[in-house]
């Protein structure tokens, strides 16, 4: 049975913009490492040209069309893995990209996953770095973060930090949508980078 502080499936079974904003401050746990989310991006499937699922169901995006509360892990730029949390009703394909966070447990293990990093605030800054810090990989694609037990998402402590919104990082399609959410003035939040026409960026 999942611990009592694990977010329930009903949390993820809501519109993607609501889930994205409410994920800030939540904690992703894998093994001894826990990362408090400070920055996320929303991607709305068939309603969003920046989403991997915009053109429909494929073998790559199958997890996105399944029940909410699962991980969608994908490979990008030939070198990185990124992780998303699937949300919305079963059969839709909305997901929230995990962009950045603060390591709040398992710091030594997270450091071992990223030995070249000299500042702890940078351990999980950026979606690929967050995945590395947590020790996630392609084998976690489809993992149930509600039932667990390997990966789960738990409620964070209440926060009064201001939530800010703006354009998503590195996308060209749907680039003006303010669907990136982050905690104001948090040192772990990644730098904004506009997209170009040659790429679809971090599209989910």
C-alpha atoms as a PDB file:
ATOM      1  CA  UNK A   1       0.000   0.000   0.000  1.00  0.00           C
ATOM      2  CA  UNK A   2       1.250   3.488  -0.861  1.00  0.00           C
ATOM      3  CA  UNK A   3       2.155   5.798   2.049  1.00  0.00           C
ATOM      4  CA  UNK A   4      -0.648   8.098   3.189  1.00  0.00           C
ATOM      5  CA  UNK A   5       1.056  11.235   1.886  1.00  0.00           C
ATOM      6  CA  UNK A   6       1.227   9.897  -1.695  1.00  0.00           C
ATOM      7  CA  UNK A   7      -0.877  11.942  -4.105  1.00  0.00           C
ATOM      8  CA  UNK A   8      -4.011  10.079  -5.116  1.00  0.00           C
ATOM      9  CA  UNK A   9      -5.034   9.249  -8.659  1.00  0.00           C
ATOM     10  CA  UNK A  10      -7.817  11.825  -8.431  1.00  0.00           C
ATOM     11  CA  UNK A  11      -5.138  14.515  -8.094  1.00  0.00           C
ATOM     12  CA  UNK A  12      -3.843  13.660 -11.572  1.00  0.00           C
ATOM     13  CA  UNK A  13      -7.301  13.063 -13.067  1.00  0.00           C
ATOM     14  CA  UNK A  14      -7.888  16.777 -13.662  1.00  0.00           C
ATOM     15  CA  UNK A  15      -7.149  19.372 -16.384  1.00  0.00           C
ATOM     16  CA  UNK A  16      -3.426  19.613 -17.057  1.00  0.00           C
ATOM     17  CA  UNK A  17      -3.061  23.299 -16.135  1.00  0.00           C
ATOM     18  CA  UNK A  18      -4.567  22.665 -12.711  1.00  0.00           C
ATOM     19  CA  UNK A  19      -2.322  19.675 -12.094  1.00  0.00           C
ATOM     20  CA  UNK A  20       0.785  21.546 -13.242  1.00  0.00           C
ATOM     21  CA  UNK A  21       0.269  24.465 -10.862  1.00  0.00           C
ATOM     22  CA  UNK A  22      -0.573  22.172  -7.952  1.00  0.00           C
ATOM     23  CA  UNK A  23       2.524  20.011  -8.499  1.00  0.00           C
ATOM     24  CA  UNK A  24       4.793  22.858  -7.426  1.00  0.00           C
ATOM     25  CA  UNK A  25       6.066  21.958  -3.978  1.00  0.00           C
ATOM     26  CA  UNK A  26       5.159  18.277  -4.379  1.00  0.00           C
ATOM     27  CA  UNK A  27       7.976  15.774  -3.884  1.00  0.00           C
ATOM     28  CA  UNK A  28       9.029  13.064  -6.343  1.00  0.00           C
ATOM     29  CA  UNK A  29      10.643  10.089  -4.578  1.00  0.00           C
ATOM     30  CA  UNK A  30      12.763   7.343  -6.128  1.00  0.00           C
ATOM     31  CA  UNK A  31      14.751   5.195  -3.737  1.00  0.00           C
ATOM     32  CA  UNK A  32      16.615   7.364  -1.241  1.00  0.00           C
ATOM     33  CA  UNK A  33      16.382  10.513  -3.385  1.00  0.00           C
ATOM     34  CA  UNK A  34      13.510  12.980  -3.092  1.00  0.00           C
ATOM     35  CA  UNK A  35      13.133  16.112  -5.215  1.00  0.00           C
ATOM     36  CA  UNK A  36      10.751  18.950  -4.378  1.00  0.00           C
ATOM     37  CA  UNK A  37       9.342  20.328  -7.634  1.00  0.00           C
ATOM     38  CA  UNK A  38      10.003  24.007  -8.290  1.00  0.00           C
ATOM     39  CA  UNK A  39       9.323  24.211 -12.039  1.00  0.00           C
ATOM     40  CA  UNK A  40       7.012  22.308 -14.403  1.00  0.00           C
ATOM     41  CA  UNK A  41       5.435  22.664 -17.846  1.00  0.00           C
ATOM     42  CA  UNK A  42       1.981  21.619 -19.032  1.00  0.00           C
ATOM     43  CA  UNK A  43       1.342  19.857 -22.373  1.00  0.00           C
ATOM     44  CA  UNK A  44      -2.225  19.249 -23.497  1.00  0.00           C
ATOM     45  CA  UNK A  45      -2.122  16.440 -26.043  1.00  0.00           C
ATOM     46  CA  UNK A  46      -4.419  16.900 -29.040  1.00  0.00           C
ATOM     47  CA  UNK A  47      -5.058  20.521 -28.042  1.00  0.00           C
ATOM     48  CA  UNK A  48      -1.383  21.447 -28.016  1.00  0.00           C
ATOM     49  CA  UNK A  49       0.905  21.498 -31.089  1.00  0.00           C
ATOM     50  CA  UNK A  50       3.956  21.289 -28.792  1.00  0.00           C
ATOM     51  CA  UNK A  51       2.874  17.925 -27.384  1.00  0.00           C
ATOM     52  CA  UNK A  52       4.277  14.588 -28.539  1.00  0.00           C
ATOM     53  CA  UNK A  53       0.669  13.362 -28.588  1.00  0.00           C
ATOM     54  CA  UNK A  54      -0.642  16.171 -30.810  1.00  0.00           C
ATOM     55  CA  UNK A  55      -0.867  13.865 -33.852  1.00  0.00           C
ATOM     56  CA  UNK A  56      -2.403  10.969 -31.955  1.00  0.00           C
ATOM     57  CA  UNK A  57      -1.493   7.640 -30.437  1.00  0.00           C
ATOM     58  CA  UNK A  58       1.905   6.123 -31.279  1.00  0.00           C
ATOM     59  CA  UNK A  59       4.011   3.431 -29.595  1.00  0.00           C
ATOM     60  CA  UNK A  60       6.113   6.213 -28.057  1.00  0.00           C
ATOM     61  CA  UNK A  61       3.141   8.098 -26.588  1.00  0.00           C
ATOM     62  CA  UNK A  62       1.006   5.130 -25.527  1.00  0.00           C
ATOM     63  CA  UNK A  63       1.651   5.770 -21.830  1.00  0.00           C
ATOM     64  CA  UNK A  64       0.256   9.285 -22.201  1.00  0.00           C
ATOM     65  CA  UNK A  65      -3.098   7.900 -23.349  1.00  0.00           C
ATOM     66  CA  UNK A  66      -3.380   5.568 -20.377  1.00  0.00           C
ATOM     67  CA  UNK A  67      -4.644   6.194 -16.855  1.00  0.00           C
ATOM     68  CA  UNK A  68      -3.442   9.311 -15.011  1.00  0.00           C
ATOM     69  CA  UNK A  69      -0.738   9.082 -12.384  1.00  0.00           C
ATOM     70  CA  UNK A  70       1.914   7.321 -14.474  1.00  0.00           C
ATOM     71  CA  UNK A  71       5.369   8.412 -15.638  1.00  0.00           C
ATOM     72  CA  UNK A  72       6.019   9.158 -19.297  1.00  0.00           C
ATOM     73  CA  UNK A  73       9.801   8.982 -19.803  1.00  0.00           C
ATOM     74  CA  UNK A  74      11.219   9.799 -23.227  1.00  0.00           C
ATOM     75  CA  UNK A  75      14.608  10.167 -24.907  1.00  0.00           C
ATOM     76  CA  UNK A  76      15.480  13.494 -26.535  1.00  0.00           C
ATOM     77  CA  UNK A  77      18.329  15.055 -28.500  1.00  0.00           C
ATOM     78  CA  UNK A  78      19.989  11.653 -28.687  1.00  0.00           C
ATOM     79  CA  UNK A  79      21.407  11.986 -25.166  1.00  0.00           C
ATOM     80  CA  UNK A  80      18.849  12.868 -22.468  1.00  0.00           C
ATOM     81  CA  UNK A  81      15.831  11.358 -20.764  1.00  0.00           C
ATOM     82  CA  UNK A  82      13.020  13.553 -19.451  1.00  0.00           C
ATOM     83  CA  UNK A  83      10.074  12.635 -17.226  1.00  0.00           C
ATOM     84  CA  UNK A  84       6.435  13.687 -17.284  1.00  0.00           C
ATOM     85  CA  UNK A  85       3.450  12.919 -15.093  1.00  0.00           C
ATOM     86  CA  UNK A  86       0.403  11.815 -17.076  1.00  0.00           C
ATOM     87  CA  UNK A  87      -2.828  13.538 -16.101  1.00  0.00           C
ATOM     88  CA  UNK A  88      -6.421  13.965 -17.255  1.00  0.00           C
ATOM     89  CA  UNK A  89      -8.956  11.198 -17.963  1.00  0.00           C
ATOM     90  CA  UNK A  90      -7.901   7.801 -19.290  1.00  0.00           C
ATOM     91  CA  UNK A  91      -7.794   8.007 -23.091  1.00  0.00           C
ATOM     92  CA  UNK A  92      -6.544  11.585 -23.256  1.00  0.00           C
ATOM     93  CA  UNK A  93      -2.859  12.479 -23.493  1.00  0.00           C
ATOM     94  CA  UNK A  94      -2.090  15.414 -21.230  1.00  0.00           C
ATOM     95  CA  UNK A  95       1.134  15.433 -19.201  1.00  0.00           C
ATOM     96  CA  UNK A  96       3.285  17.671 -17.030  1.00  0.00           C
ATOM     97  CA  UNK A  97       7.013  17.890 -17.722  1.00  0.00           C
ATOM     98  CA  UNK A  98       9.142  17.925 -14.576  1.00  0.00           C
ATOM     99  CA  UNK A  99      11.576  20.768 -15.263  1.00  0.00           C
ATOM    100  CA  UNK A 100      13.425  21.470 -12.022  1.00  0.00           C
ATOM    101  CA  UNK A 101      13.497  20.849  -8.316  1.00  0.00           C
ATOM    102  CA  UNK A 102      15.371  20.894  -5.035  1.00  0.00           C
ATOM    103  CA  UNK A 103      16.912  17.700  -3.683  1.00  0.00           C
ATOM    104  CA  UNK A 104      15.420  17.358  -0.196  1.00  0.00           C
ATOM    105  CA  UNK A 105      16.533  13.800   0.650  1.00  0.00           C
ATOM    106  CA  UNK A 106      19.290  11.493  -0.506  1.00  0.00           C
ATOM    107  CA  UNK A 107      21.621  14.378  -1.278  1.00  0.00           C
ATOM    108  CA  UNK A 108      24.766  12.237  -1.340  1.00  0.00           C
ATOM    109  CA  UNK A 109      23.148   9.781  -3.752  1.00  0.00           C
ATOM    110  CA  UNK A 110      21.940  12.602  -6.009  1.00  0.00           C
ATOM    111  CA  UNK A 111      25.474  14.031  -6.002  1.00  0.00           C
ATOM    112  CA  UNK A 112      26.831  10.627  -7.045  1.00  0.00           C
ATOM    113  CA  UNK A 113      24.423  10.631  -9.985  1.00  0.00           C
ATOM    114  CA  UNK A 114      25.800  14.025 -11.088  1.00  0.00           C
ATOM    115  CA  UNK A 115      29.434  14.070  -9.911  1.00  0.00           C
ATOM    116  CA  UNK A 116      30.510  17.038 -12.063  1.00  0.00           C
ATOM    117  CA  UNK A 117      28.004  19.421 -10.420  1.00  0.00           C
ATOM    118  CA  UNK A 118      29.528  21.685  -7.776  1.00  0.00           C
ATOM    119  CA  UNK A 119      26.386  23.432  -6.496  1.00  0.00           C
ATOM    120  CA  UNK A 120      23.526  21.488  -4.914  1.00  0.00           C
ATOM    121  CA  UNK A 121      20.990  23.962  -6.334  1.00  0.00           C
ATOM    122  CA  UNK A 122      21.965  22.780  -9.821  1.00  0.00           C
ATOM    123  CA  UNK A 123      21.607  19.040  -9.183  1.00  0.00           C
ATOM    124  CA  UNK A 124      18.019  18.885 -10.478  1.00  0.00           C
ATOM    125  CA  UNK A 125      17.882  22.104 -12.506  1.00  0.00           C
ATOM    126  CA  UNK A 126      16.566  21.283 -15.969  1.00  0.00           C
ATOM    127  CA  UNK A 127      14.435  18.260 -16.956  1.00  0.00           C
ATOM    128  CA  UNK A 128      17.283  15.916 -17.922  1.00  0.00           C
ATOM    129  CA  UNK A 129      19.251  16.813 -14.795  1.00  0.00           C
ATOM    130  CA  UNK A 130      16.217  16.191 -12.596  1.00  0.00           C
ATOM    131  CA  UNK A 131      15.871  12.705 -14.091  1.00  0.00           C
ATOM    132  CA  UNK A 132      19.575  11.998 -13.500  1.00  0.00           C
ATOM    133  CA  UNK A 133      19.480  13.258  -9.920  1.00  0.00           C
ATOM    134  CA  UNK A 134      16.567  10.951  -9.147  1.00  0.00           C
ATOM    135  CA  UNK A 135      18.227   8.012 -10.876  1.00  0.00           C
ATOM    136  CA  UNK A 136      15.338   7.522 -13.302  1.00  0.00           C
ATOM    137  CA  UNK A 137      15.698   5.990 -16.765  1.00  0.00           C
ATOM    138  CA  UNK A 138      13.742   4.458 -19.657  1.00  0.00           C
ATOM    139  CA  UNK A 139      12.886   1.460 -17.493  1.00  0.00           C
ATOM    140  CA  UNK A 140      10.611   3.760 -15.490  1.00  0.00           C
ATOM    141  CA  UNK A 141       8.424   4.675 -18.466  1.00  0.00           C
ATOM    142  CA  UNK A 142       4.888   3.754 -17.439  1.00  0.00           C
ATOM    143  CA  UNK A 143       5.677   3.544 -13.714  1.00  0.00           C
ATOM    144  CA  UNK A 144       2.604   4.058 -11.529  1.00  0.00           C
ATOM    145  CA  UNK A 145       3.434   6.892  -9.124  1.00  0.00           C
ATOM    146  CA  UNK A 146       0.211   6.373  -7.162  1.00  0.00           C
ATOM    147  CA  UNK A 147       0.420   2.632  -6.467  1.00  0.00           C
ATOM    148  CA  UNK A 148       4.217   2.644  -6.482  1.00  0.00           C
ATOM    149  CA  UNK A 149       6.255   1.242  -4.989  1.00  0.00           C
ATOM    150  CA  UNK A 150       9.352   2.284  -6.963  1.00  0.00           C
ATOM    151  CA  UNK A 151       8.464   5.889  -7.801  1.00  0.00           C
ATOM    152  CA  UNK A 152       5.879   8.007  -6.067  1.00  0.00           C
ATOM    153  CA  UNK A 153       4.801  11.625  -5.717  1.00  0.00           C
ATOM    154  CA  UNK A 154       3.900  12.899  -2.273  1.00  0.00           C
ATOM    155  CA  UNK A 155       2.370  16.066  -0.975  1.00  0.00           C
ATOM    156  CA  UNK A 156       4.805  18.806  -0.077  1.00  0.00           C
ATOM    157  CA  UNK A 157       4.689  21.186   2.838  1.00  0.00           C
ATOM    158  CA  UNK A 158       2.363  24.193   2.408  1.00  0.00           C
ATOM    159  CA  UNK A 159       4.174  27.111   0.782  1.00  0.00           C
ATOM    160  CA  UNK A 160       3.433  30.805   0.510  1.00  0.00           C
ATOM    161  CA  UNK A 161       5.937  31.269  -2.325  1.00  0.00           C
ATOM    162  CA  UNK A 162       4.482  33.095  -5.310  1.00  0.00           C
ATOM    163  CA  UNK A 163       3.801  30.976  -8.384  1.00  0.00           C
ATOM    164  CA  UNK A 164       4.755  32.529 -11.685  1.00  0.00           C
ATOM    165  CA  UNK A 165       3.842  31.551 -15.225  1.00  0.00           C
ATOM    166  CA  UNK A 166       5.394  32.143 -18.621  1.00  0.00           C
ATOM    167  CA  UNK A 167       6.234  30.578 -21.993  1.00  0.00           C
ATOM    168  CA  UNK A 168       7.565  27.040 -22.071  1.00  0.00           C
ATOM    169  CA  UNK A 169      11.283  26.525 -22.577  1.00  0.00           C
ATOM    170  CA  UNK A 170      12.730  25.557 -25.941  1.00  0.00           C
ATOM    171  CA  UNK A 171       9.470  25.053 -27.874  1.00  0.00           C
ATOM    172  CA  UNK A 172       8.458  26.746 -31.114  1.00  0.00           C
ATOM    173  CA  UNK A 173       4.937  25.332 -31.606  1.00  0.00           C
ATOM    174  CA  UNK A 174       2.543  26.901 -29.127  1.00  0.00           C
ATOM    175  CA  UNK A 175       5.418  29.021 -27.890  1.00  0.00           C
ATOM    176  CA  UNK A 176       3.301  31.903 -26.587  1.00  0.00           C
ATOM    177  CA  UNK A 177       1.221  29.816 -24.200  1.00  0.00           C
ATOM    178  CA  UNK A 178       2.138  30.664 -20.584  1.00  0.00           C
ATOM    179  CA  UNK A 179       2.151  27.011 -19.536  1.00  0.00           C
ATOM    180  CA  UNK A 180       5.403  26.948 -17.593  1.00  0.00           C
ATOM    181  CA  UNK A 181       4.907  27.265 -13.830  1.00  0.00           C
ATOM    182  CA  UNK A 182       7.646  27.960 -11.294  1.00  0.00           C
ATOM    183  CA  UNK A 183       8.248  29.134  -7.752  1.00  0.00           C
ATOM    184  CA  UNK A 184       9.371  32.740  -7.751  1.00  0.00           C
ATOM    185  CA  UNK A 185      13.015  33.448  -6.887  1.00  0.00           C
ATOM    186  CA  UNK A 186      13.856  29.795  -6.303  1.00  0.00           C
ATOM    187  CA  UNK A 187      17.542  29.131  -7.095  1.00  0.00           C
ATOM    188  CA  UNK A 188      16.814  25.720  -8.631  1.00  0.00           C
ATOM    189  CA  UNK A 189      14.582  27.043 -11.424  1.00  0.00           C
ATOM    190  CA  UNK A 190      16.119  26.735 -14.892  1.00  0.00           C
ATOM    191  CA  UNK A 191      16.914  29.622 -17.234  1.00  0.00           C
ATOM    192  CA  UNK A 192      14.410  30.509 -19.937  1.00  0.00           C
ATOM    193  CA  UNK A 193      15.408  29.602 -23.499  1.00  0.00           C
ATOM    194  CA  UNK A 194      13.195  30.356 -26.471  1.00  0.00           C
ATOM    195  CA  UNK A 195      12.580  27.708 -29.104  1.00  0.00           C
ATOM    196  CA  UNK A 196      13.445  27.760 -32.804  1.00  0.00           C
ATOM    197  CA  UNK A 197      11.599  26.598 -35.895  1.00  0.00           C
ATOM    198  CA  UNK A 198      13.998  23.687 -36.368  1.00  0.00           C
ATOM    199  CA  UNK A 199      12.912  21.851 -33.227  1.00  0.00           C
ATOM    200  CA  UNK A 200       9.874  20.987 -31.162  1.00  0.00           C
ATOM    201  CA  UNK A 201      11.844  21.451 -27.976  1.00  0.00           C
ATOM    202  CA  UNK A 202      10.606  19.758 -24.828  1.00  0.00           C
ATOM    203  CA  UNK A 203       7.255  18.914 -26.361  1.00  0.00           C
ATOM    204  CA  UNK A 204       5.051  16.467 -24.490  1.00  0.00           C
END
